[in-house]
Amino acid sequence: MTGKPLYKITFLNHGKVYELYARHVESGRLWGFVEVSELVFDVHEGLVVDPTEERLQAEFGETRTLHLPMQSVLRVEEVEKKRQSAIRDAASGEAVITPFPMPTRPR
């Protein structure tokens, strides 16, 4: 691997399992927390848009450091390359898909 390592962080948040990518993960300065910083998002220019990636970027795009409670972190993996980020339902494991807004019909 070249450059900074890349980590895939899987954690629970409000009944959903989030998978994010970051360049920096360490034991937090706050006891019982894991610090995740330098979050990595796909920047797509063109017609193909991933609604999950858009949702994650909208939620965490301005975040400098995530302080995740240790008990919510399911897994931290050092990976070679970034794959698709995901949000899954914790109970069923099914992907939570953010639907595109539907146009309303005039009455």
PDB file of N, CA and C in Angstrom:
ATOM      1  N   MET A   1       0.843  -1.192   0.000  1.00  0.00           N
ATOM      2  CA  MET A   1       0.000   0.000   0.000  1.00  0.00           C
ATOM      3  C   MET A   1       0.876   1.239   0.000  1.00  0.00           C
ATOM      4  N   THR A   2       0.407   2.245  -0.670  1.00  0.00           N
ATOM      5  CA  THR A   2       1.147   3.486  -0.705  1.00  0.00           C
ATOM      6  C   THR A   2       0.351   4.559   0.014  1.00  0.00           C
ATOM      7  N   GLY A   3       1.056   5.543   0.549  1.00  0.00           N
ATOM      8  CA  GLY A   3       0.374   6.659   1.206  1.00  0.00           C
ATOM      9  C   GLY A   3      -0.206   6.260   2.546  1.00  0.00           C
ATOM     10  N   LYS A   4      -1.201   7.018   2.956  1.00  0.00           N
ATOM     11  CA  LYS A   4      -1.848   6.777   4.241  1.00  0.00           C
ATOM     12  C   LYS A   4      -2.713   5.526   4.196  1.00  0.00           C
ATOM     13  N   PRO A   5      -2.800   4.811   5.335  1.00  0.00           N
ATOM     14  CA  PRO A   5      -3.682   3.647   5.355  1.00  0.00           C
ATOM     15  C   PRO A   5      -5.146   4.068   5.231  1.00  0.00           C
ATOM     16  N   LEU A   6      -5.973   3.138   4.774  1.00  0.00           N
ATOM     17  CA  LEU A   6      -7.403   3.365   4.626  1.00  0.00           C
ATOM     18  C   LEU A   6      -8.133   2.348   5.498  1.00  0.00           C
ATOM     19  N   TYR A   7      -9.093   2.820   6.290  1.00  0.00           N
ATOM     20  CA  TYR A   7      -9.838   1.965   7.206  1.00  0.00           C
ATOM     21  C   TYR A   7     -11.318   1.972   6.861  1.00  0.00           C
ATOM     22  N   LYS A   8     -11.933   0.804   6.982  1.00  0.00           N
ATOM     23  CA  LYS A   8     -13.383   0.676   6.876  1.00  0.00           C
ATOM     24  C   LYS A   8     -13.900   0.500   8.303  1.00  0.00           C
ATOM     25  N   ILE A   9     -14.769   1.412   8.741  1.00  0.00           N
ATOM     26  CA  ILE A   9     -15.302   1.397  10.096  1.00  0.00           C
ATOM     27  C   ILE A   9     -16.777   1.025  10.014  1.00  0.00           C
ATOM     28  N   THR A  10     -17.157  -0.018  10.735  1.00  0.00           N
ATOM     29  CA  THR A  10     -18.542  -0.469  10.783  1.00  0.00           C
ATOM     30  C   THR A  10     -19.043  -0.235  12.200  1.00  0.00           C
ATOM     31  N   PHE A  11     -20.151   0.530  12.319  1.00  0.00           N
ATOM     32  CA  PHE A  11     -20.669   0.854  13.654  1.00  0.00           C
ATOM     33  C   PHE A  11     -22.184   0.967  13.645  1.00  0.00           C
ATOM     34  N   LEU A  12     -22.775   0.831  14.833  1.00  0.00           N
ATOM     35  CA  LEU A  12     -24.219   0.967  15.017  1.00  0.00           C
ATOM     36  C   LEU A  12     -24.578   2.409  15.317  1.00  0.00           C
ATOM     37  N   ASN A  13     -25.688   2.875  14.702  1.00  0.00           N
ATOM     38  CA  ASN A  13     -26.166   4.234  14.947  1.00  0.00           C
ATOM     39  C   ASN A  13     -27.680   4.251  14.741  1.00  0.00           C
ATOM     40  N   HIS A  14     -28.441   4.443  15.806  1.00  0.00           N
ATOM     41  CA  HIS A  14     -29.904   4.533  15.746  1.00  0.00           C
ATOM     42  C   HIS A  14     -30.547   3.366  15.015  1.00  0.00           C
ATOM     43  N   GLY A  15     -30.151   2.137  15.377  1.00  0.00           N
ATOM     44  CA  GLY A  15     -30.762   0.947  14.786  1.00  0.00           C
ATOM     45  C   GLY A  15     -30.295   0.609  13.391  1.00  0.00           C
ATOM     46  N   LYS A  16     -29.254   1.281  12.924  1.00  0.00           N
ATOM     47  CA  LYS A  16     -28.711   1.018  11.592  1.00  0.00           C
ATOM     48  C   LYS A  16     -27.214   0.749  11.700  1.00  0.00           C
ATOM     49  N   VAL A  17     -26.712  -0.033  10.786  1.00  0.00           N
ATOM     50  CA  VAL A  17     -25.278  -0.318  10.717  1.00  0.00           C
ATOM     51  C   VAL A  17     -24.694   0.557   9.617  1.00  0.00           C
ATOM     52  N   TYR A  18     -23.748   1.399   9.984  1.00  0.00           N
ATOM     53  CA  TYR A  18     -23.086   2.306   9.046  1.00  0.00           C
ATOM     54  C   TYR A  18     -21.717   1.738   8.684  1.00  0.00           C
ATOM     55  N   GLU A  19     -21.342   1.877   7.427  1.00  0.00           N
ATOM     56  CA  GLU A  19     -19.997   1.541   6.969  1.00  0.00           C
ATOM     57  C   GLU A  19     -19.397   2.792   6.344  1.00  0.00           C
ATOM     58  N   LEU A  20     -18.358   3.308   6.977  1.00  0.00           N
ATOM     59  CA  LEU A  20     -17.669   4.509   6.507  1.00  0.00           C
ATOM     60  C   LEU A  20     -16.198   4.195   6.284  1.00  0.00           C
ATOM     61  N   TYR A  21     -15.548   5.029   5.498  1.00  0.00           N
ATOM     62  CA  TYR A  21     -14.113   4.901   5.270  1.00  0.00           C
ATOM     63  C   TYR A  21     -13.406   6.139   5.809  1.00  0.00           C
ATOM     64  N   ALA A  22     -12.226   5.910   6.395  1.00  0.00           N
ATOM     65  CA  ALA A  22     -11.458   7.013   6.973  1.00  0.00           C
ATOM     66  C   ALA A  22      -9.970   6.712   6.876  1.00  0.00           C
ATOM     67  N   ARG A  23      -9.175   7.757   6.979  1.00  0.00           N
ATOM     68  CA  ARG A  23      -7.719   7.624   6.926  1.00  0.00           C
ATOM     69  C   ARG A  23      -7.081   7.511   8.312  1.00  0.00           C
ATOM     70  N   HIS A  24      -7.852   7.847   9.359  1.00  0.00           N
ATOM     71  CA  HIS A  24      -7.253   7.865  10.696  1.00  0.00           C
ATOM     72  C   HIS A  24      -8.246   7.308  11.723  1.00  0.00           C
ATOM     73  N   VAL A  25      -7.814   6.296  12.484  1.00  0.00           N
ATOM     74  CA  VAL A  25      -8.617   5.703  13.558  1.00  0.00           C
ATOM     75  C   VAL A  25      -7.690   5.471  14.744  1.00  0.00           C
ATOM     76  N   GLU A  26      -8.149   5.866  15.936  1.00  0.00           N
ATOM     77  CA  GLU A  26      -7.340   5.626  17.137  1.00  0.00           C
ATOM     78  C   GLU A  26      -8.229   5.585  18.365  1.00  0.00           C
ATOM     79  N   SER A  27      -7.664   5.076  19.463  1.00  0.00           N
ATOM     80  CA  SER A  27      -8.374   5.131  20.739  1.00  0.00           C
ATOM     81  C   SER A  27      -8.573   6.592  21.085  1.00  0.00           C
ATOM     82  N   GLY A  28      -9.757   6.918  21.524  1.00  0.00           N
ATOM     83  CA  GLY A  28     -10.080   8.315  21.762  1.00  0.00           C
ATOM     84  C   GLY A  28      -9.416   8.897  22.989  1.00  0.00           C
ATOM     85  N   ARG A  29      -9.243  10.206  22.956  1.00  0.00           N
ATOM     86  CA  ARG A  29      -8.760  10.917  24.142  1.00  0.00           C
ATOM     87  C   ARG A  29      -9.832  10.913  25.211  1.00  0.00           C
ATOM     88  N   LEU A  30     -11.100  10.772  24.769  1.00  0.00           N
ATOM     89  CA  LEU A  30     -12.207  10.601  25.701  1.00  0.00           C
ATOM     90  C   LEU A  30     -12.305   9.113  26.018  1.00  0.00           C
ATOM     91  N   TRP A  31     -12.279   8.758  27.291  1.00  0.00           N
ATOM     92  CA  TRP A  31     -12.281   7.363  27.685  1.00  0.00           C
ATOM     93  C   TRP A  31     -13.534   6.659  27.169  1.00  0.00           C
ATOM     94  N   GLY A  32     -13.364   5.497  26.546  1.00  0.00           N
ATOM     95  CA  GLY A  32     -14.483   4.714  26.052  1.00  0.00           C
ATOM     96  C   GLY A  32     -14.932   5.074  24.648  1.00  0.00           C
ATOM     97  N   PHE A  33     -14.189   5.924  23.955  1.00  0.00           N
ATOM     98  CA  PHE A  33     -14.561   6.341  22.606  1.00  0.00           C
ATOM     99  C   PHE A  33     -13.452   6.018  21.616  1.00  0.00           C
ATOM    100  N   VAL A  34     -13.849   5.789  20.374  1.00  0.00           N
ATOM    101  CA  VAL A  34     -12.920   5.586  19.267  1.00  0.00           C
ATOM    102  C   VAL A  34     -12.995   6.834  18.403  1.00  0.00           C
ATOM    103  N   GLU A  35     -11.846   7.412  18.082  1.00  0.00           N
ATOM    104  CA  GLU A  35     -11.798   8.611  17.233  1.00  0.00           C
ATOM    105  C   GLU A  35     -11.587   8.203  15.779  1.00  0.00           C
ATOM    106  N   VAL A  36     -12.457   8.692  14.914  1.00  0.00           N
ATOM    107  CA  VAL A  36     -12.370   8.433  13.479  1.00  0.00           C
ATOM    108  C   VAL A  36     -12.304   9.793  12.787  1.00  0.00           C
ATOM    109  N   SER A  37     -11.248  10.013  12.012  1.00  0.00           N
ATOM    110  CA  SER A  37     -11.110  11.307  11.332  1.00  0.00           C
ATOM    111  C   SER A  37     -10.616  11.092   9.909  1.00  0.00           C
ATOM    112  N   GLU A  38     -10.597  12.191   9.158  1.00  0.00           N
ATOM    113  CA  GLU A  38     -10.239  12.182   7.740  1.00  0.00           C
ATOM    114  C   GLU A  38     -11.137  11.211   6.969  1.00  0.00           C
ATOM    115  N   LEU A  39     -12.450  11.434   7.093  1.00  0.00           N
ATOM    116  CA  LEU A  39     -13.421  10.593   6.402  1.00  0.00           C
ATOM    117  C   LEU A  39     -13.244  10.695   4.891  1.00  0.00           C
ATOM    118  N   VAL A  40     -13.463   9.584   4.193  1.00  0.00           N
ATOM    119  CA  VAL A  40     -13.268   9.510   2.745  1.00  0.00           C
ATOM    120  C   VAL A  40     -14.621   9.259   2.094  1.00  0.00           C
ATOM    121  N   PHE A  41     -14.988  10.131   1.161  1.00  0.00           N
ATOM    122  CA  PHE A  41     -16.225   9.987   0.391  1.00  0.00           C
ATOM    123  C   PHE A  41     -15.880   9.973  -1.080  1.00  0.00           C
ATOM    124  N   ASP A  42     -16.690   9.251  -1.860  1.00  0.00           N
ATOM    125  CA  ASP A  42     -16.523   9.272  -3.324  1.00  0.00           C
ATOM    126  C   ASP A  42     -17.034  10.594  -3.846  1.00  0.00           C
ATOM    127  N   VAL A  43     -16.275  11.180  -4.720  1.00  0.00           N
ATOM    128  CA  VAL A  43     -16.726  12.404  -5.379  1.00  0.00           C
ATOM    129  C   VAL A  43     -16.998  12.029  -6.833  1.00  0.00           C
ATOM    130  N   HIS A  44     -18.284  11.944  -7.160  1.00  0.00           N
ATOM    131  CA  HIS A  44     -18.676  11.574  -8.518  1.00  0.00           C
ATOM    132  C   HIS A  44     -19.074  12.826  -9.278  1.00  0.00           C
ATOM    133  N   GLU A  45     -18.543  12.926 -10.442  1.00  0.00           N
ATOM    134  CA  GLU A  45     -18.969  13.988 -11.344  1.00  0.00           C
ATOM    135  C   GLU A  45     -19.558  13.306 -12.563  1.00  0.00           C
ATOM    136  N   GLY A  46     -20.788  13.581 -12.836  1.00  0.00           N
ATOM    137  CA  GLY A  46     -21.432  12.949 -13.971  1.00  0.00           C
ATOM    138  C   GLY A  46     -22.843  12.536 -13.629  1.00  0.00           C
ATOM    139  N   LEU A  47     -23.345  11.562 -14.375  1.00  0.00           N
ATOM    140  CA  LEU A  47     -24.729  11.163 -14.248  1.00  0.00           C
ATOM    141  C   LEU A  47     -24.981  10.148 -13.138  1.00  0.00           C
ATOM    142  N   VAL A  48     -23.994   9.318 -12.817  1.00  0.00           N
ATOM    143  CA  VAL A  48     -24.199   8.272 -11.817  1.00  0.00           C
ATOM    144  C   VAL A  48     -24.027   8.861 -10.419  1.00  0.00           C
ATOM    145  N   VAL A  49     -25.083   8.732  -9.610  1.00  0.00           N
ATOM    146  CA  VAL A  49     -25.056   9.249  -8.245  1.00  0.00           C
ATOM    147  C   VAL A  49     -25.466   8.127  -7.303  1.00  0.00           C
ATOM    148  N   ASP A  50     -24.692   7.915  -6.250  1.00  0.00           N
ATOM    149  CA  ASP A  50     -25.008   6.906  -5.245  1.00  0.00           C
ATOM    150  C   ASP A  50     -25.762   7.596  -4.109  1.00  0.00           C
ATOM    151  N   PRO A  51     -27.049   7.312  -3.918  1.00  0.00           N
ATOM    152  CA  PRO A  51     -27.821   8.008  -2.892  1.00  0.00           C
ATOM    153  C   PRO A  51     -27.311   7.743  -1.478  1.00  0.00           C
ATOM    154  N   THR A  52     -26.777   6.553  -1.217  1.00  0.00           N
ATOM    155  CA  THR A  52     -26.239   6.259   0.117  1.00  0.00           C
ATOM    156  C   THR A  52     -25.009   7.108   0.394  1.00  0.00           C
ATOM    157  N   GLU A  53     -24.121   7.190  -0.588  1.00  0.00           N
ATOM    158  CA  GLU A  53     -22.911   8.005  -0.429  1.00  0.00           C
ATOM    159  C   GLU A  53     -23.285   9.477  -0.243  1.00  0.00           C
ATOM    160  N   GLU A  54     -24.291   9.940  -0.994  1.00  0.00           N
ATOM    161  CA  GLU A  54     -24.765  11.321  -0.846  1.00  0.00           C
ATOM    162  C   GLU A  54     -25.304  11.567   0.562  1.00  0.00           C
ATOM    163  N   ARG A  55     -26.074  10.604   1.070  1.00  0.00           N
ATOM    164  CA  ARG A  55     -26.653  10.742   2.412  1.00  0.00           C
ATOM    165  C   ARG A  55     -25.560  10.768   3.480  1.00  0.00           C
ATOM    166  N   LEU A  56     -24.575   9.887   3.351  1.00  0.00           N
ATOM    167  CA  LEU A  56     -23.471   9.865   4.316  1.00  0.00           C
ATOM    168  C   LEU A  56     -22.664  11.154   4.260  1.00  0.00           C
ATOM    169  N   GLN A  57     -22.429  11.650   3.064  1.00  0.00           N
ATOM    170  CA  GLN A  57     -21.678  12.892   2.934  1.00  0.00           C
ATOM    171  C   GLN A  57     -22.468  14.066   3.507  1.00  0.00           C
ATOM    172  N   ALA A  58     -23.792  14.063   3.308  1.00  0.00           N
ATOM    173  CA  ALA A  58     -24.614  15.129   3.882  1.00  0.00           C
ATOM    174  C   ALA A  58     -24.587  15.082   5.409  1.00  0.00           C
ATOM    175  N   GLU A  59     -24.561  13.871   5.976  1.00  0.00           N
ATOM    176  CA  GLU A  59     -24.571  13.722   7.433  1.00  0.00           C
ATOM    177  C   GLU A  59     -23.200  13.950   8.057  1.00  0.00           C
ATOM    178  N   PHE A  60     -22.139  13.467   7.421  1.00  0.00           N
ATOM    179  CA  PHE A  60     -20.810  13.502   8.031  1.00  0.00           C
ATOM    180  C   PHE A  60     -19.786  14.335   7.268  1.00  0.00           C
ATOM    181  N   GLY A  61     -20.174  14.985   6.177  1.00  0.00           N
ATOM    182  CA  GLY A  61     -19.241  15.698   5.320  1.00  0.00           C
ATOM    183  C   GLY A  61     -18.471  16.815   6.000  1.00  0.00           C
ATOM    184  N   GLU A  62     -19.080  17.498   6.936  1.00  0.00           N
ATOM    185  CA  GLU A  62     -18.421  18.613   7.632  1.00  0.00           C
ATOM    186  C   GLU A  62     -17.768  18.173   8.952  1.00  0.00           C
ATOM    187  N   THR A  63     -17.773  16.869   9.226  1.00  0.00           N
ATOM    188  CA  THR A  63     -17.252  16.343  10.483  1.00  0.00           C
ATOM    189  C   THR A  63     -15.736  16.231  10.435  1.00  0.00           C
ATOM    190  N   ARG A  64     -15.068  16.827  11.413  1.00  0.00           N
ATOM    191  CA  ARG A  64     -13.612  16.692  11.498  1.00  0.00           C
ATOM    192  C   ARG A  64     -13.234  15.374  12.163  1.00  0.00           C
ATOM    193  N   THR A  65     -13.893  15.057  13.293  1.00  0.00           N
ATOM    194  CA  THR A  65     -13.604  13.832  14.026  1.00  0.00           C
ATOM    195  C   THR A  65     -14.895  13.252  14.577  1.00  0.00           C
ATOM    196  N   LEU A  66     -15.110  11.961  14.321  1.00  0.00           N
ATOM    197  CA  LEU A  66     -16.232  11.243  14.933  1.00  0.00           C
ATOM    198  C   LEU A  66     -15.735  10.613  16.226  1.00  0.00           C
ATOM    199  N   HIS A  67     -16.458  10.801  17.300  1.00  0.00           N
ATOM    200  CA  HIS A  67     -16.148  10.149  18.569  1.00  0.00           C
ATOM    201  C   HIS A  67     -17.216   9.091  18.772  1.00  0.00           C
ATOM    202  N   LEU A  68     -16.888   7.846  18.422  1.00  0.00           N
ATOM    203  CA  LEU A  68     -17.851   6.757  18.488  1.00  0.00           C
ATOM    204  C   LEU A  68     -17.705   6.000  19.800  1.00  0.00           C
ATOM    205  N   PRO A  69     -18.823   5.763  20.513  1.00  0.00           N
ATOM    206  CA  PRO A  69     -18.725   4.949  21.720  1.00  0.00           C
ATOM    207  C   PRO A  69     -18.165   3.568  21.378  1.00  0.00           C
ATOM    208  N   MET A  70     -17.248   3.092  22.196  1.00  0.00           N
ATOM    209  CA  MET A  70     -16.565   1.838  21.930  1.00  0.00           C
ATOM    210  C   MET A  70     -17.540   0.682  21.678  1.00  0.00           C
ATOM    211  N   GLN A  71     -18.642   0.650  22.438  1.00  0.00           N
ATOM    212  CA  GLN A  71     -19.583  -0.457  22.304  1.00  0.00           C
ATOM    213  C   GLN A  71     -20.394  -0.399  21.007  1.00  0.00           C
ATOM    214  N   SER A  72     -20.396   0.735  20.301  1.00  0.00           N
ATOM    215  CA  SER A  72     -21.129   0.817  19.038  1.00  0.00           C
ATOM    216  C   SER A  72     -20.269   0.397  17.846  1.00  0.00           C
ATOM    217  N   VAL A  73     -18.962   0.310  18.027  1.00  0.00           N
ATOM    218  CA  VAL A  73     -18.063  -0.067  16.926  1.00  0.00           C
ATOM    219  C   VAL A  73     -18.075  -1.585  16.776  1.00  0.00           C
ATOM    220  N   LEU A  74     -18.471  -2.057  15.602  1.00  0.00           N
ATOM    221  CA  LEU A  74     -18.530  -3.489  15.339  1.00  0.00           C
ATOM    222  C   LEU A  74     -17.220  -4.014  14.774  1.00  0.00           C
ATOM    223  N   ARG A  75     -16.585  -3.201  13.907  1.00  0.00           N
ATOM    224  CA  ARG A  75     -15.376  -3.677  13.251  1.00  0.00           C
ATOM    225  C   ARG A  75     -14.598  -2.499  12.678  1.00  0.00           C
ATOM    226  N   VAL A  76     -13.275  -2.627  12.701  1.00  0.00           N
ATOM    227  CA  VAL A  76     -12.376  -1.689  12.016  1.00  0.00           C
ATOM    228  C   VAL A  76     -11.433  -2.542  11.182  1.00  0.00           C
ATOM    229  N   GLU A  77     -11.425  -2.286   9.881  1.00  0.00           N
ATOM    230  CA  GLU A  77     -10.580  -3.052   8.967  1.00  0.00           C
ATOM    231  C   GLU A  77      -9.665  -2.109   8.207  1.00  0.00           C
ATOM    232  N   GLU A  78      -8.409  -2.482   8.070  1.00  0.00           N
ATOM    233  CA  GLU A  78      -7.521  -1.752   7.172  1.00  0.00           C
ATOM    234  C   GLU A  78      -7.674  -2.391   5.798  1.00  0.00           C
ATOM    235  N   VAL A  79      -8.018  -1.583   4.796  1.00  0.00           N
ATOM    236  CA  VAL A  79      -8.328  -2.103   3.459  1.00  0.00           C
ATOM    237  C   VAL A  79      -7.398  -1.492   2.415  1.00  0.00           C
ATOM    238  N   GLU A  80      -7.330  -2.151   1.272  1.00  0.00           N
ATOM    239  CA  GLU A  80      -6.500  -1.680   0.162  1.00  0.00           C
ATOM    240  C   GLU A  80      -7.147  -0.524  -0.586  1.00  0.00           C
ATOM    241  N   LYS A  81      -8.484  -0.649  -0.833  1.00  0.00           N
ATOM    242  CA  LYS A  81      -9.167   0.408  -1.577  1.00  0.00           C
ATOM    243  C   LYS A  81     -10.584   0.564  -1.059  1.00  0.00           C
ATOM    244  N   LYS A  82     -11.147   1.713  -1.357  1.00  0.00           N
ATOM    245  CA  LYS A  82     -12.493   2.038  -0.904  1.00  0.00           C
ATOM    246  C   LYS A  82     -13.507   1.337  -1.774  1.00  0.00           C
ATOM    247  N   ARG A  83     -14.488   0.774  -1.139  1.00  0.00           N
ATOM    248  CA  ARG A  83     -15.640   0.198  -1.821  1.00  0.00           C
ATOM    249  C   ARG A  83     -16.839   1.085  -1.525  1.00  0.00           C
ATOM    250  N   GLN A  84     -18.017   0.631  -1.876  1.00  0.00           N
ATOM    251  CA  GLN A  84     -19.227   1.418  -1.642  1.00  0.00           C
ATOM    252  C   GLN A  84     -19.543   1.468  -0.149  1.00  0.00           C
ATOM    253  N   SER A  85     -19.781   2.664   0.362  1.00  0.00           N
ATOM    254  CA  SER A  85     -20.226   2.831   1.737  1.00  0.00           C
ATOM    255  C   SER A  85     -21.663   2.338   1.832  1.00  0.00           C
ATOM    256  N   ALA A  86     -22.105   2.043   3.057  1.00  0.00           N
ATOM    257  CA  ALA A  86     -23.446   1.488   3.187  1.00  0.00           C
ATOM    258  C   ALA A  86     -24.102   1.911   4.491  1.00  0.00           C
ATOM    259  N   ILE A  87     -25.425   1.869   4.472  1.00  0.00           N
ATOM    260  CA  ILE A  87     -26.238   1.989   5.675  1.00  0.00           C
ATOM    261  C   ILE A  87     -27.202   0.810   5.608  1.00  0.00           C
ATOM    262  N   ARG A  88     -27.169  -0.047   6.626  1.00  0.00           N
ATOM    263  CA  ARG A  88     -28.016  -1.237   6.647  1.00  0.00           C
ATOM    264  C   ARG A  88     -28.882  -1.252   7.898  1.00  0.00           C
ATOM    265  N   ASP A  89     -30.024  -1.899   7.790  1.00  0.00           N
ATOM    266  CA  ASP A  89     -30.873  -2.101   8.947  1.00  0.00           C
ATOM    267  C   ASP A  89     -30.178  -3.110   9.858  1.00  0.00           C
ATOM    268  N   ALA A  90     -30.061  -2.802  11.157  1.00  0.00           N
ATOM    269  CA  ALA A  90     -29.333  -3.662  12.076  1.00  0.00           C
ATOM    270  C   ALA A  90     -30.015  -5.016  12.263  1.00  0.00           C
ATOM    271  N   ALA A  91     -31.341  -5.053  12.238  1.00  0.00           N
ATOM    272  CA  ALA A  91     -32.064  -6.305  12.467  1.00  0.00           C
ATOM    273  C   ALA A  91     -32.049  -7.219  11.249  1.00  0.00           C
ATOM    274  N   SER A  92     -32.357  -6.675  10.089  1.00  0.00           N
ATOM    275  CA  SER A  92     -32.482  -7.513   8.892  1.00  0.00           C
ATOM    276  C   SER A  92     -31.208  -7.578   8.057  1.00  0.00           C
ATOM    277  N   GLY A  93     -30.344  -6.583   8.180  1.00  0.00           N
ATOM    278  CA  GLY A  93     -29.124  -6.530   7.370  1.00  0.00           C
ATOM    279  C   GLY A  93     -29.349  -5.984   5.981  1.00  0.00           C
ATOM    280  N   GLU A  94     -30.597  -5.631   5.657  1.00  0.00           N
ATOM    281  CA  GLU A  94     -30.903  -5.096   4.337  1.00  0.00           C
ATOM    282  C   GLU A  94     -30.441  -3.657   4.210  1.00  0.00           C
ATOM    283  N   ALA A  95     -30.011  -3.299   3.024  1.00  0.00           N
ATOM    284  CA  ALA A  95     -29.544  -1.938   2.778  1.00  0.00           C
ATOM    285  C   ALA A  95     -30.703  -0.960   2.928  1.00  0.00           C
ATOM    286  N   VAL A  96     -30.407   0.154   3.574  1.00  0.00           N
ATOM    287  CA  VAL A  96     -31.388   1.227   3.694  1.00  0.00           C
ATOM    288  C   VAL A  96     -31.163   2.128   2.505  1.00  0.00           C
ATOM    289  N   ILE A  97     -32.145   2.174   1.626  1.00  0.00           N
ATOM    290  CA  ILE A  97     -32.005   2.948   0.396  1.00  0.00           C
ATOM    291  C   ILE A  97     -32.766   4.247   0.556  1.00  0.00           C
ATOM    292  N   THR A  98     -32.080   5.325   0.289  1.00  0.00           N
ATOM    293  CA  THR A  98     -32.730   6.627   0.316  1.00  0.00           C
ATOM    294  C   THR A  98     -33.374   6.846  -1.037  1.00  0.00           C
ATOM    295  N   PRO A  99     -34.701   6.835  -1.099  1.00  0.00           N
ATOM    296  CA  PRO A  99     -35.342   6.994  -2.400  1.00  0.00           C
ATOM    297  C   PRO A  99     -35.201   8.412  -2.930  1.00  0.00           C
ATOM    298  N   PHE A 100     -35.231   8.514  -4.238  1.00  0.00           N
ATOM    299  CA  PHE A 100     -35.232   9.836  -4.849  1.00  0.00           C
ATOM    300  C   PHE A 100     -36.591  10.473  -4.605  1.00  0.00           C
ATOM    301  N   PRO A 101     -36.658  11.764  -4.463  1.00  0.00           N
ATOM    302  CA  PRO A 101     -37.962  12.407  -4.246  1.00  0.00           C
ATOM    303  C   PRO A 101     -38.881  12.154  -5.446  1.00  0.00           C
ATOM    304  N   MET A 102     -40.109  11.834  -5.138  1.00  0.00           N
ATOM    305  CA  MET A 102     -41.097  11.584  -6.174  1.00  0.00           C
ATOM    306  C   MET A 102     -41.851  12.874  -6.463  1.00  0.00           C
ATOM    307  N   PRO A 103     -42.070  13.192  -7.733  1.00  0.00           N
ATOM    308  CA  PRO A 103     -42.830  14.409  -8.041  1.00  0.00           C
ATOM    309  C   PRO A 103     -44.291  14.232  -7.592  1.00  0.00           C
ATOM    310  N   THR A 104     -44.851  15.300  -7.117  1.00  0.00           N
ATOM    311  CA  THR A 104     -46.257  15.244  -6.718  1.00  0.00           C
ATOM    312  C   THR A 104     -47.129  15.630  -7.904  1.00  0.00           C
ATOM    313  N   ARG A 105     -48.249  14.963  -8.003  1.00  0.00           N
ATOM    314  CA  ARG A 105     -49.166  15.264  -9.100  1.00  0.00           C
ATOM    315  C   ARG A 105     -50.119  16.360  -8.683  1.00  0.00           C
ATOM    316  N   PRO A 106     -50.411  17.282  -9.564  1.00  0.00           N
ATOM    317  CA  PRO A 106     -51.398  18.303  -9.223  1.00  0.00           C
ATOM    318  C   PRO A 106     -52.785  17.677  -9.112  1.00  0.00           C
ATOM    319  N   ARG A 107     -53.571  18.159  -8.198  1.00  0.00           N
ATOM    320  CA  ARG A 107     -54.928  17.621  -7.986  1.00  0.00           C
ATOM    321  C   ARG A 107     -55.941  18.373  -8.771  1.00  0.00           C
TER     322      ARG A 107
END
